[in-house]
Amino acid sequence: MQYNISIKAEKKNLKKVRTFLENIFTQMQIPELERNQLILVVDEILANLIIHSAKNDIHKNIDVAFYEKEGEITFEIYDYNSPYFDITQHKEVNLQDLKKQKRKGGMGLTLVKNIMDEVEVYYKDNTNIWRLQKRLPFLLLKNKSK
């Protein structure tokens, strides 16, 4: 089954997405640790898109779709009417170095890459499409036992 949510590019809408995901992941019986990590990942990407891409333009929509298939959760996040974002140009940051520097920010994408198994960004029709995948083998086992 695929789940979808669309929001206006406003920070206040992040809570709406977190609640939406929390409810579905609870129904799917995803353990709390993995549930929190998945929600954090989506929250980080959306916050970056709202701040850096949409520049808090409340007229801009961002869509989030996700589905589970064969023990893998896949998110697709659509950032419409946006400049091309080349994820290959993103430099990994050392989280320990940032902690030592007591620097706020700059960790989001590195955190996302560390949590997810795959992170890709495609550009099509003036839209960045973020594709994030996480293998959760217990879902595969749960689905087989049905």
Foldseek 3Di string as FASTA:
>chain_A
DKDKDKAFLALVCLVVVLVVQVVVCVVLVDDPVLSVLVSLLVSLVSPCCSCPWVVVVRVFMKMWMWDDDLQKIKIKIKGAQTDDDDPVPDDADDPVVCVVVVHPDPHNVNSLPVSFPDWDWDADPNITIIMTMHGGNVSNVVVVVD
